[in-house]
Amino acid sequence: MGTFNFQNLDCYVVAKQVAVAVHEAKISDAELRDQANRAAKSCFLNLSEGLPSRQDGIRRRHFAISRGSLCELAAAIDLAAALGAVDDVPARLINADLERLIKMLHKL
């Protein structure tokens, strides 16, 4: 349970799980690992910045950035998997969470 109400929302919880999973995946390619971690953190942090805002324009902007970072992360995981730089199981689990999260973001 978080300090703020938005920390209890499913989208927040899933985005945080994704960021942790990407970190724990230990992508062997240094560039892709850095890019994936930055995209996962950006997705989570922009979502977190938009959720409590009461201004529609601010919320939309942060959610759009979060979606963009999510797509960047999906591409980084896809490429890492294609290059053999990440194990198949973590890649599949991350992708499943990304599919779930993108649906949530589209509804925000």
N, C-alpha and C. Protein backbone atom coordinates (compact mmCIF):
# COMPACT_ATOMS: atom_id res chain seq x y z
N MET A 1 0.85 -1.18 0.00
CA MET A 1 0.00 0.00 0.00
C MET A 1 0.89 1.24 0.00
N GLY A 2 0.60 2.14 -0.92
CA GLY A 2 1.41 3.33 -1.07
C GLY A 2 0.93 4.49 -0.22
N THR A 3 1.72 5.52 -0.17
CA THR A 3 1.39 6.74 0.57
C THR A 3 0.27 7.50 -0.11
N PHE A 4 0.27 7.49 -1.45
CA PHE A 4 -0.72 8.23 -2.23
C PHE A 4 -1.70 7.26 -2.87
N ASN A 5 -2.95 7.70 -3.06
CA ASN A 5 -3.99 6.84 -3.63
C ASN A 5 -3.60 6.23 -4.97
N PHE A 6 -2.94 7.03 -5.84
CA PHE A 6 -2.61 6.53 -7.17
C PHE A 6 -1.65 5.34 -7.12
N GLN A 7 -0.92 5.18 -6.02
CA GLN A 7 0.02 4.07 -5.90
C GLN A 7 -0.68 2.72 -5.72
N ASN A 8 -1.97 2.75 -5.48
CA ASN A 8 -2.74 1.52 -5.33
C ASN A 8 -3.43 1.11 -6.63
N LEU A 9 -3.33 1.92 -7.67
CA LEU A 9 -3.97 1.61 -8.95
C LEU A 9 -3.22 0.48 -9.66
N ASP A 10 -3.97 -0.36 -10.37
CA ASP A 10 -3.36 -1.48 -11.09
C ASP A 10 -2.29 -1.02 -12.08
N CYS A 11 -2.55 0.07 -12.79
CA CYS A 11 -1.57 0.53 -13.79
C CYS A 11 -0.25 0.91 -13.13
N TYR A 12 -0.31 1.52 -11.97
CA TYR A 12 0.90 1.89 -11.23
C TYR A 12 1.65 0.63 -10.80
N VAL A 13 0.92 -0.33 -10.24
CA VAL A 13 1.52 -1.57 -9.76
C VAL A 13 2.18 -2.34 -10.90
N VAL A 14 1.49 -2.46 -12.03
CA VAL A 14 2.03 -3.19 -13.17
C VAL A 14 3.25 -2.47 -13.75
N ALA A 15 3.18 -1.16 -13.88
CA ALA A 15 4.32 -0.40 -14.41
C ALA A 15 5.54 -0.56 -13.51
N LYS A 16 5.33 -0.59 -12.21
CA LYS A 16 6.45 -0.80 -11.29
C LYS A 16 6.99 -2.22 -11.43
N GLN A 17 6.12 -3.20 -11.56
CA GLN A 17 6.55 -4.59 -11.76
C GLN A 17 7.37 -4.73 -13.03
N VAL A 18 6.96 -4.04 -14.08
CA VAL A 18 7.69 -4.08 -15.34
C VAL A 18 9.10 -3.51 -15.15
N ALA A 19 9.21 -2.37 -14.49
CA ALA A 19 10.52 -1.76 -14.27
C ALA A 19 11.44 -2.68 -13.48
N VAL A 20 10.89 -3.33 -12.47
CA VAL A 20 11.67 -4.28 -11.67
C VAL A 20 12.07 -5.48 -12.52
N ALA A 21 11.14 -6.01 -13.30
CA ALA A 21 11.42 -7.19 -14.14
C ALA A 21 12.50 -6.89 -15.18
N VAL A 22 12.46 -5.70 -15.77
CA VAL A 22 13.47 -5.32 -16.75
C VAL A 22 14.84 -5.25 -16.08
N HIS A 23 14.88 -4.66 -14.91
CA HIS A 23 16.14 -4.58 -14.16
C HIS A 23 16.67 -5.99 -13.85
N GLU A 24 15.78 -6.87 -13.42
CA GLU A 24 16.18 -8.22 -13.03
C GLU A 24 16.48 -9.12 -14.22
N ALA A 25 16.04 -8.73 -15.44
CA ALA A 25 16.27 -9.55 -16.63
C ALA A 25 17.75 -9.62 -17.00
N LYS A 26 18.52 -8.65 -16.54
CA LYS A 26 19.97 -8.64 -16.77
C LYS A 26 20.31 -8.81 -18.26
N ILE A 27 19.76 -7.94 -19.08
CA ILE A 27 20.04 -7.98 -20.52
C ILE A 27 21.55 -7.87 -20.71
N SER A 28 22.14 -8.79 -21.47
CA SER A 28 23.60 -8.85 -21.57
C SER A 28 24.20 -7.76 -22.45
N ASP A 29 23.45 -7.24 -23.41
CA ASP A 29 23.93 -6.15 -24.26
C ASP A 29 23.81 -4.85 -23.46
N ALA A 30 24.93 -4.21 -23.18
CA ALA A 30 24.95 -3.03 -22.31
C ALA A 30 24.07 -1.90 -22.82
N GLU A 31 24.12 -1.63 -24.12
CA GLU A 31 23.30 -0.54 -24.69
C GLU A 31 21.82 -0.84 -24.56
N LEU A 32 21.43 -2.06 -24.91
CA LEU A 32 20.01 -2.42 -24.81
C LEU A 32 19.55 -2.47 -23.36
N ARG A 33 20.42 -2.95 -22.47
CA ARG A 33 20.07 -2.98 -21.05
C ARG A 33 19.81 -1.56 -20.55
N ASP A 34 20.70 -0.63 -20.89
CA ASP A 34 20.54 0.76 -20.47
C ASP A 34 19.27 1.36 -21.06
N GLN A 35 19.06 1.15 -22.35
CA GLN A 35 17.88 1.71 -23.02
C GLN A 35 16.59 1.13 -22.45
N ALA A 36 16.58 -0.19 -22.23
CA ALA A 36 15.37 -0.83 -21.68
C ALA A 36 15.09 -0.34 -20.27
N ASN A 37 16.11 -0.22 -19.46
CA ASN A 37 15.92 0.26 -18.09
C ASN A 37 15.44 1.71 -18.08
N ARG A 38 16.01 2.55 -18.93
CA ARG A 38 15.58 3.95 -18.98
C ARG A 38 14.14 4.06 -19.48
N ALA A 39 13.78 3.26 -20.48
CA ALA A 39 12.41 3.29 -21.01
C ALA A 39 11.41 2.79 -19.95
N ALA A 40 11.77 1.73 -19.22
CA ALA A 40 10.89 1.20 -18.18
C ALA A 40 10.69 2.23 -17.07
N LYS A 41 11.77 2.89 -16.68
CA LYS A 41 11.68 3.92 -15.64
C LYS A 41 10.87 5.11 -16.13
N SER A 42 11.07 5.51 -17.38
CA SER A 42 10.32 6.63 -17.95
C SER A 42 8.82 6.31 -18.01
N CYS A 43 8.50 5.11 -18.43
CA CYS A 43 7.10 4.68 -18.49
C CYS A 43 6.46 4.80 -17.10
N PHE A 44 7.13 4.24 -16.11
CA PHE A 44 6.62 4.26 -14.74
C PHE A 44 6.53 5.68 -14.17
N LEU A 45 7.60 6.44 -14.33
CA LEU A 45 7.63 7.77 -13.71
C LEU A 45 6.69 8.76 -14.39
N ASN A 46 6.54 8.69 -15.71
CA ASN A 46 5.58 9.58 -16.37
C ASN A 46 4.15 9.20 -16.02
N LEU A 47 3.87 7.92 -15.94
CA LEU A 47 2.55 7.49 -15.48
C LEU A 47 2.29 8.03 -14.08
N SER A 48 3.29 7.90 -13.21
CA SER A 48 3.16 8.36 -11.83
C SER A 48 2.98 9.86 -11.74
N GLU A 49 3.57 10.60 -12.65
CA GLU A 49 3.41 12.05 -12.63
C GLU A 49 2.04 12.46 -13.17
N GLY A 50 1.51 11.70 -14.12
CA GLY A 50 0.22 12.05 -14.69
C GLY A 50 -0.97 11.64 -13.84
N LEU A 51 -0.86 10.53 -13.13
CA LEU A 51 -2.01 10.00 -12.38
C LEU A 51 -2.61 10.98 -11.38
N PRO A 52 -1.82 11.65 -10.55
CA PRO A 52 -2.46 12.52 -9.56
C PRO A 52 -2.87 13.90 -10.09
N SER A 53 -2.46 14.23 -11.30
CA SER A 53 -2.76 15.56 -11.84
C SER A 53 -4.26 15.72 -12.09
N ARG A 54 -4.75 16.90 -11.82
CA ARG A 54 -6.16 17.21 -12.06
C ARG A 54 -6.35 17.99 -13.36
N GLN A 55 -5.24 18.28 -14.04
CA GLN A 55 -5.32 19.04 -15.29
C GLN A 55 -5.25 18.05 -16.46
N ASP A 56 -6.31 18.04 -17.28
CA ASP A 56 -6.41 17.08 -18.38
C ASP A 56 -5.21 17.12 -19.33
N GLY A 57 -4.77 18.31 -19.69
CA GLY A 57 -3.65 18.45 -20.62
C GLY A 57 -2.37 17.86 -20.06
N ILE A 58 -2.14 18.09 -18.79
CA ILE A 58 -0.94 17.55 -18.13
C ILE A 58 -1.03 16.03 -18.08
N ARG A 59 -2.19 15.52 -17.70
CA ARG A 59 -2.38 14.06 -17.63
C ARG A 59 -2.14 13.43 -19.00
N ARG A 60 -2.76 13.99 -20.05
CA ARG A 60 -2.62 13.43 -21.41
C ARG A 60 -1.16 13.42 -21.84
N ARG A 61 -0.46 14.50 -21.56
CA ARG A 61 0.95 14.62 -21.95
C ARG A 61 1.79 13.53 -21.29
N HIS A 62 1.63 13.36 -20.00
CA HIS A 62 2.42 12.35 -19.28
C HIS A 62 2.03 10.92 -19.69
N PHE A 63 0.76 10.70 -19.93
CA PHE A 63 0.33 9.36 -20.36
C PHE A 63 0.84 9.06 -21.76
N ALA A 64 0.89 10.07 -22.63
CA ALA A 64 1.43 9.87 -23.98
C ALA A 64 2.92 9.54 -23.92
N ILE A 65 3.65 10.24 -23.07
CA ILE A 65 5.08 9.94 -22.91
C ILE A 65 5.26 8.54 -22.34
N SER A 66 4.43 8.18 -21.38
CA SER A 66 4.49 6.84 -20.79
C SER A 66 4.25 5.76 -21.84
N ARG A 67 3.24 5.97 -22.70
CA ARG A 67 2.96 5.01 -23.77
C ARG A 67 4.13 4.92 -24.74
N GLY A 68 4.72 6.05 -25.09
CA GLY A 68 5.88 6.05 -25.98
C GLY A 68 7.04 5.27 -25.39
N SER A 69 7.29 5.47 -24.12
CA SER A 69 8.37 4.74 -23.45
C SER A 69 8.06 3.25 -23.37
N LEU A 70 6.79 2.92 -23.16
CA LEU A 70 6.39 1.51 -23.15
C LEU A 70 6.68 0.86 -24.50
N CYS A 71 6.36 1.55 -25.57
CA CYS A 71 6.62 1.00 -26.92
C CYS A 71 8.12 0.87 -27.17
N GLU A 72 8.89 1.85 -26.71
CA GLU A 72 10.34 1.77 -26.83
C GLU A 72 10.87 0.56 -26.05
N LEU A 73 10.34 0.35 -24.88
CA LEU A 73 10.74 -0.80 -24.06
C LEU A 73 10.39 -2.11 -24.75
N ALA A 74 9.19 -2.19 -25.32
CA ALA A 74 8.80 -3.41 -26.04
C ALA A 74 9.77 -3.70 -27.17
N ALA A 75 10.18 -2.67 -27.90
CA ALA A 75 11.13 -2.86 -29.00
C ALA A 75 12.50 -3.28 -28.48
N ALA A 76 12.94 -2.70 -27.37
CA ALA A 76 14.24 -3.06 -26.79
C ALA A 76 14.25 -4.51 -26.33
N ILE A 77 13.17 -4.96 -25.71
CA ILE A 77 13.07 -6.35 -25.26
C ILE A 77 13.01 -7.28 -26.47
N ASP A 78 12.27 -6.89 -27.50
CA ASP A 78 12.17 -7.69 -28.72
C ASP A 78 13.54 -7.85 -29.38
N LEU A 79 14.27 -6.76 -29.49
CA LEU A 79 15.59 -6.82 -30.10
C LEU A 79 16.57 -7.61 -29.23
N ALA A 80 16.50 -7.41 -27.91
CA ALA A 80 17.38 -8.17 -27.01
C ALA A 80 17.11 -9.66 -27.14
N ALA A 81 15.85 -10.04 -27.26
CA ALA A 81 15.50 -11.45 -27.43
C ALA A 81 16.02 -11.97 -28.77
N ALA A 82 15.87 -11.18 -29.82
CA ALA A 82 16.33 -11.59 -31.15
C ALA A 82 17.85 -11.76 -31.19
N LEU A 83 18.55 -10.96 -30.41
CA LEU A 83 20.01 -11.03 -30.36
C LEU A 83 20.52 -12.05 -29.36
N GLY A 84 19.61 -12.66 -28.61
CA GLY A 84 20.01 -13.61 -27.59
C GLY A 84 20.60 -12.94 -26.36
N ALA A 85 20.27 -11.66 -26.17
CA ALA A 85 20.82 -10.90 -25.05
C ALA A 85 19.95 -10.96 -23.80
N VAL A 86 18.81 -11.62 -23.90
CA VAL A 86 17.93 -11.81 -22.74
C VAL A 86 17.31 -13.19 -22.86
N ASP A 87 17.14 -13.84 -21.74
CA ASP A 87 16.51 -15.16 -21.74
C ASP A 87 15.06 -15.05 -22.18
N ASP A 88 14.57 -16.11 -22.77
CA ASP A 88 13.22 -16.14 -23.33
C ASP A 88 12.13 -15.95 -22.28
N VAL A 89 12.27 -16.60 -21.15
CA VAL A 89 11.22 -16.54 -20.12
C VAL A 89 11.02 -15.12 -19.59
N PRO A 90 12.08 -14.43 -19.15
CA PRO A 90 11.85 -13.04 -18.70
C PRO A 90 11.30 -12.15 -19.82
N ALA A 91 11.76 -12.35 -21.03
CA ALA A 91 11.27 -11.54 -22.15
C ALA A 91 9.77 -11.75 -22.34
N ARG A 92 9.33 -13.00 -22.29
CA ARG A 92 7.90 -13.28 -22.46
C ARG A 92 7.07 -12.71 -21.32
N LEU A 93 7.58 -12.80 -20.11
CA LEU A 93 6.85 -12.27 -18.95
C LEU A 93 6.75 -10.74 -19.02
N ILE A 94 7.83 -10.10 -19.40
CA ILE A 94 7.82 -8.63 -19.55
C ILE A 94 6.83 -8.24 -20.64
N ASN A 95 6.87 -8.93 -21.77
CA ASN A 95 5.94 -8.61 -22.87
C ASN A 95 4.49 -8.80 -22.46
N ALA A 96 4.20 -9.81 -21.67
CA ALA A 96 2.82 -10.03 -21.20
C ALA A 96 2.37 -8.86 -20.32
N ASP A 97 3.26 -8.40 -19.44
CA ASP A 97 2.92 -7.24 -18.61
C ASP A 97 2.78 -5.97 -19.44
N LEU A 98 3.61 -5.84 -20.48
CA LEU A 98 3.52 -4.66 -21.36
C LEU A 98 2.19 -4.64 -22.11
N GLU A 99 1.74 -5.81 -22.56
CA GLU A 99 0.44 -5.88 -23.25
C GLU A 99 -0.68 -5.47 -22.31
N ARG A 100 -0.60 -5.92 -21.08
CA ARG A 100 -1.61 -5.56 -20.08
C ARG A 100 -1.56 -4.06 -19.78
N LEU A 101 -0.35 -3.53 -19.63
CA LEU A 101 -0.19 -2.13 -19.28
C LEU A 101 -0.62 -1.19 -20.41
N ILE A 102 -0.33 -1.53 -21.65
CA ILE A 102 -0.71 -0.64 -22.76
C ILE A 102 -2.23 -0.50 -22.84
N LYS A 103 -2.94 -1.57 -22.53
CA LYS A 103 -4.41 -1.50 -22.52
C LYS A 103 -4.89 -0.55 -21.43
N MET A 104 -4.23 -0.59 -20.30
CA MET A 104 -4.60 0.32 -19.20
C MET A 104 -4.30 1.77 -19.58
N LEU A 105 -3.15 1.99 -20.18
CA LEU A 105 -2.77 3.35 -20.56
C LEU A 105 -3.73 3.93 -21.59
N HIS A 106 -4.19 3.10 -22.53
CA HIS A 106 -5.12 3.60 -23.55
C HIS A 106 -6.45 4.01 -22.91
N LYS A 107 -6.80 3.40 -21.80
CA LYS A 107 -8.06 3.74 -21.14
C LYS A 107 -7.95 4.99 -20.27
N LEU A 108 -6.73 5.37 -19.95
CA LEU A 108 -6.56 6.57 -19.14
C LEU A 108 -6.77 7.78 -20.04
